[in-house]
Protein backbone atom coordinates (compact mmCIF):
# COMPACT_ATOMS: atom_id res chain seq x y z
CA MET A 1 -63.11 -2.39 91.57
CA CYS A 2 -66.83 -1.69 92.44
CA SER A 3 -69.24 -2.78 95.99
CA GLY A 4 -72.47 -1.79 97.32
CA LYS A 5 -75.45 -3.25 97.28
CA PRO A 6 -76.09 -4.82 93.37
CA ALA A 7 -79.35 -3.60 91.93
CA HIS A 8 -82.65 -5.04 91.75
CA ARG A 9 -84.30 -4.10 89.58
CA LEU A 10 -83.49 -2.23 85.83
CA ARG A 11 -82.45 1.59 86.54
CA PRO A 12 -82.53 4.35 83.51
CA PRO A 13 -78.54 3.78 81.91
CA GLY A 14 -76.13 5.89 83.39
CA SER A 15 -78.05 5.85 87.32
CA PRO A 16 -75.80 4.50 89.30
CA HIS A 17 -76.02 2.10 91.87
CA ARG A 18 -72.63 1.34 93.22
CA THR A 19 -70.41 2.96 94.68
CA CYS A 20 -67.31 3.29 92.46
CA ARG A 21 -63.60 4.07 92.76
CA PRO A 22 -61.54 4.97 89.57
CA THR A 23 -59.22 2.07 88.75
CA VAL A 24 -56.26 2.47 86.06
CA ALA A 25 -57.02 -1.06 84.75
CA ALA A 26 -54.07 -2.21 82.34
CA ASP A 27 -56.20 -5.25 81.19
CA PRO A 28 -58.69 -4.67 79.01
CA LYS A 29 -61.08 -6.95 80.15
CA ALA A 30 -61.34 -5.39 83.58
CA ALA A 31 -61.19 -2.14 82.41
CA ILE A 32 -64.44 -3.09 80.54
CA ARG A 33 -65.72 -5.64 83.83
CA ASP A 34 -65.61 -2.03 85.66
CA ARG A 35 -67.10 -0.03 83.07
CA ALA A 36 -70.05 -2.51 82.75
CA LEU A 37 -70.96 -2.33 86.66
CA ALA A 38 -70.43 1.13 86.62
CA VAL A 39 -72.30 1.67 84.44
CA GLY A 40 -75.10 -0.83 86.21
CA PHE A 41 -74.72 -4.50 84.89
CA ASP A 42 -74.88 -7.12 87.70
CA ALA A 43 -73.07 -9.11 85.73
CA VAL A 44 -69.80 -9.07 83.03
CA GLY A 45 -68.46 -12.13 81.39
CA PHE A 46 -66.36 -12.85 78.24
CA CYS A 47 -65.78 -15.46 75.71
CA ASP A 48 -64.42 -15.78 71.94
CA ALA A 49 -66.93 -14.95 68.97
CA ALA A 50 -67.29 -18.54 67.89
CA LEU A 51 -69.38 -20.90 69.28
CA GLY A 52 -68.05 -24.39 68.09
CA PRO A 53 -69.19 -26.57 65.44
CA ASN A 54 -71.24 -28.04 68.16
CA ALA A 55 -73.69 -25.20 68.12
CA ARG A 56 -74.99 -25.69 64.46
CA VAL A 57 -75.46 -29.54 65.25
CA ARG A 58 -77.64 -28.40 69.04
CA LEU A 59 -79.93 -25.90 67.67
CA ALA A 60 -80.38 -27.97 64.02
CA ASP A 61 -81.62 -30.91 67.01
CA PHE A 62 -83.28 -28.39 68.75
CA LEU A 63 -85.27 -27.39 65.75
CA ALA A 64 -86.08 -30.83 64.21
CA ALA A 65 -87.44 -31.94 67.22
CA GLY A 66 -89.98 -29.49 67.92
CA GLN A 67 -88.64 -27.64 71.36
CA HIS A 68 -89.15 -24.14 69.60
CA GLY A 69 -93.07 -24.55 70.12
CA ASP A 70 -95.12 -21.55 68.69
CA MET A 71 -91.35 -18.96 68.06
CA GLY A 72 -91.01 -19.98 63.85
CA TRP A 73 -89.01 -17.04 64.08
CA LEU A 74 -86.20 -19.30 65.49
CA ALA A 75 -85.98 -21.37 62.48
CA ASP A 76 -85.20 -18.07 60.60
CA ARG A 77 -81.38 -17.30 59.23
CA THR A 78 -79.36 -20.49 61.30
CA GLU A 79 -76.65 -19.86 60.38
CA GLN A 80 -76.19 -16.24 62.00
CA ARG A 81 -77.74 -17.39 65.24
CA ALA A 82 -75.73 -20.48 64.63
CA ASP A 83 -72.51 -18.58 64.20
CA PRO A 84 -72.60 -14.92 65.17
CA ARG A 85 -69.46 -14.14 62.96
CA ALA A 86 -71.98 -15.36 60.13
CA LEU A 87 -74.07 -12.21 61.40
CA TRP A 88 -70.74 -9.55 62.02
CA PRO A 89 -67.45 -11.10 60.31
CA GLU A 90 -65.39 -9.05 61.99
CA ALA A 91 -66.49 -10.06 65.59
CA ARG A 92 -63.47 -11.75 67.50
CA SER A 93 -65.13 -11.23 71.01
CA VAL A 94 -68.58 -10.93 72.78
CA ILE A 95 -69.27 -9.24 75.41
CA ALA A 96 -72.17 -11.27 77.56
CA LEU A 97 -73.12 -8.55 80.14
CA GLY A 98 -76.13 -9.68 83.16
CA LEU A 99 -79.29 -7.57 84.41
CA SER A 100 -81.18 -8.08 87.71
CA TYR A 101 -84.89 -7.25 86.96
CA ALA A 102 -85.85 -8.61 91.24
CA PRO A 103 -87.71 -6.56 92.70
CA GLU A 104 -87.03 -5.17 96.33
CA ASP A 105 -90.22 -6.49 97.29
CA ASP A 106 -91.25 -10.49 97.02
CA PRO A 107 -93.17 -10.88 93.88
CA LEU A 108 -95.49 -14.04 94.68
CA ALA A 109 -96.58 -11.53 97.89
CA VAL A 110 -99.68 -10.92 94.95
CA LEU A 111 -100.63 -14.01 94.53
CA ASP A 112 -102.62 -13.86 98.49
CA GLN A 113 -104.09 -10.21 97.24
CA PRO A 114 -107.13 -11.51 95.31
CA ASP A 115 -108.03 -7.85 94.32
CA ARG A 116 -105.05 -7.66 92.66
CA GLY A 117 -103.80 -8.58 89.16
CA GLY A 118 -100.54 -10.52 88.99
CA ILE A 119 -98.06 -9.32 86.44
CA SER A 120 -94.40 -10.44 85.08
CA VAL A 121 -91.70 -9.31 87.20
CA TYR A 122 -89.94 -8.06 83.91
CA ALA A 123 -92.60 -6.23 82.49
CA ARG A 124 -92.90 -4.04 85.68
CA ASN A 125 -90.97 -0.85 84.36
CA ARG A 126 -89.50 0.25 81.71
CA ASP A 127 -89.09 -1.72 78.71
CA TYR A 128 -85.92 -3.93 79.36
CA HIS A 129 -85.10 -3.64 75.42
CA ASP A 130 -84.95 0.35 76.23
CA VAL A 131 -82.84 0.52 79.13
CA VAL A 132 -80.85 -2.26 78.51
CA LYS A 133 -79.48 -0.94 75.17
CA GLY A 134 -79.38 2.64 76.23
CA MET A 135 -76.87 1.09 78.99
CA LEU A 136 -75.35 -1.10 76.46
CA LYS A 137 -74.15 1.99 74.42
CA THR A 138 -72.59 3.98 77.22
CA LEU A 139 -70.39 1.15 77.67
CA ALA A 140 -69.67 1.04 73.44
CA GLN A 141 -69.25 4.60 73.87
CA PHE A 142 -66.40 3.53 76.42
CA VAL A 143 -65.09 0.49 75.01
CA VAL A 144 -64.55 2.22 71.58
CA SER A 145 -62.89 5.61 72.56
CA ARG A 146 -60.73 3.55 75.15
CA PHE A 147 -59.71 0.68 73.07
CA GLY A 148 -60.75 1.73 69.08
CA PRO A 149 -62.80 -1.70 68.19
CA ASP A 150 -65.95 -1.37 65.78
CA VAL A 151 -69.15 -2.40 68.45
CA LYS A 152 -72.34 -3.71 67.71
CA VAL A 153 -75.16 -3.80 70.88
CA PHE A 154 -77.96 -6.10 70.80
CA VAL A 155 -80.56 -6.92 73.74
CA ASP A 156 -82.65 -10.40 72.38
CA THR A 157 -83.23 -8.73 69.68
CA ALA A 158 -80.74 -10.00 66.45
CA PRO A 159 -80.18 -13.39 65.54
CA VAL A 160 -77.93 -14.91 67.89
CA MET A 161 -77.94 -17.47 70.87
CA GLU A 162 -77.67 -15.30 73.82
CA LYS A 163 -77.70 -18.04 76.65
CA PRO A 164 -75.19 -19.98 75.37
CA LEU A 165 -73.06 -17.31 74.74
CA ALA A 166 -73.92 -16.71 77.96
CA MET A 167 -72.59 -19.50 79.65
CA ARG A 168 -69.50 -19.25 77.47
CA ALA A 169 -69.02 -16.50 79.45
CA GLY A 170 -69.28 -18.11 82.35
CA LEU A 171 -72.20 -16.37 83.34
CA GLY A 172 -74.51 -19.18 84.46
CA TRP A 173 -75.58 -22.55 82.58
CA GLN A 174 -78.35 -23.14 80.45
CA GLY A 175 -81.05 -25.27 81.64
CA LYS A 176 -84.45 -27.05 80.27
CA HIS A 177 -87.01 -24.77 79.23
CA THR A 178 -90.53 -26.11 78.69
């Protein structure tokens, strides 16, 4: 089990942000959760790879209503978006992970400084795709070496619906975005 202050910004792969003591976990989920936290992730959840029949309907309704705006690419590869097993038929489970990119300082403080430009919080550090992918690869190496399955890692670059998967894995909820 890991303890310590949670991270508040993206860190390079493998840089610790918690003080961890080794654990012997007979439960694969517990072992993966412990390693994910040690690698630097802030949230870990698990779910079945199937999103269920409603995912396809919800995606079709979302697209038909034009709620995807200018993101035309969301209408591509809808079969794979609605079911990760269409992308990778052997998939059985999803490990959903979260990483906070909240800064240590109040990001709204810059608004009171008219001589400074505001930059979105997620864009203030290294590209999160690179940072998170390195962390995912580290975790994947552990999973493969310890449990033996094939593993694929994605950082919002594959046609999978990350938000519904994360919600099914118990990492939060999906609200209305405009």
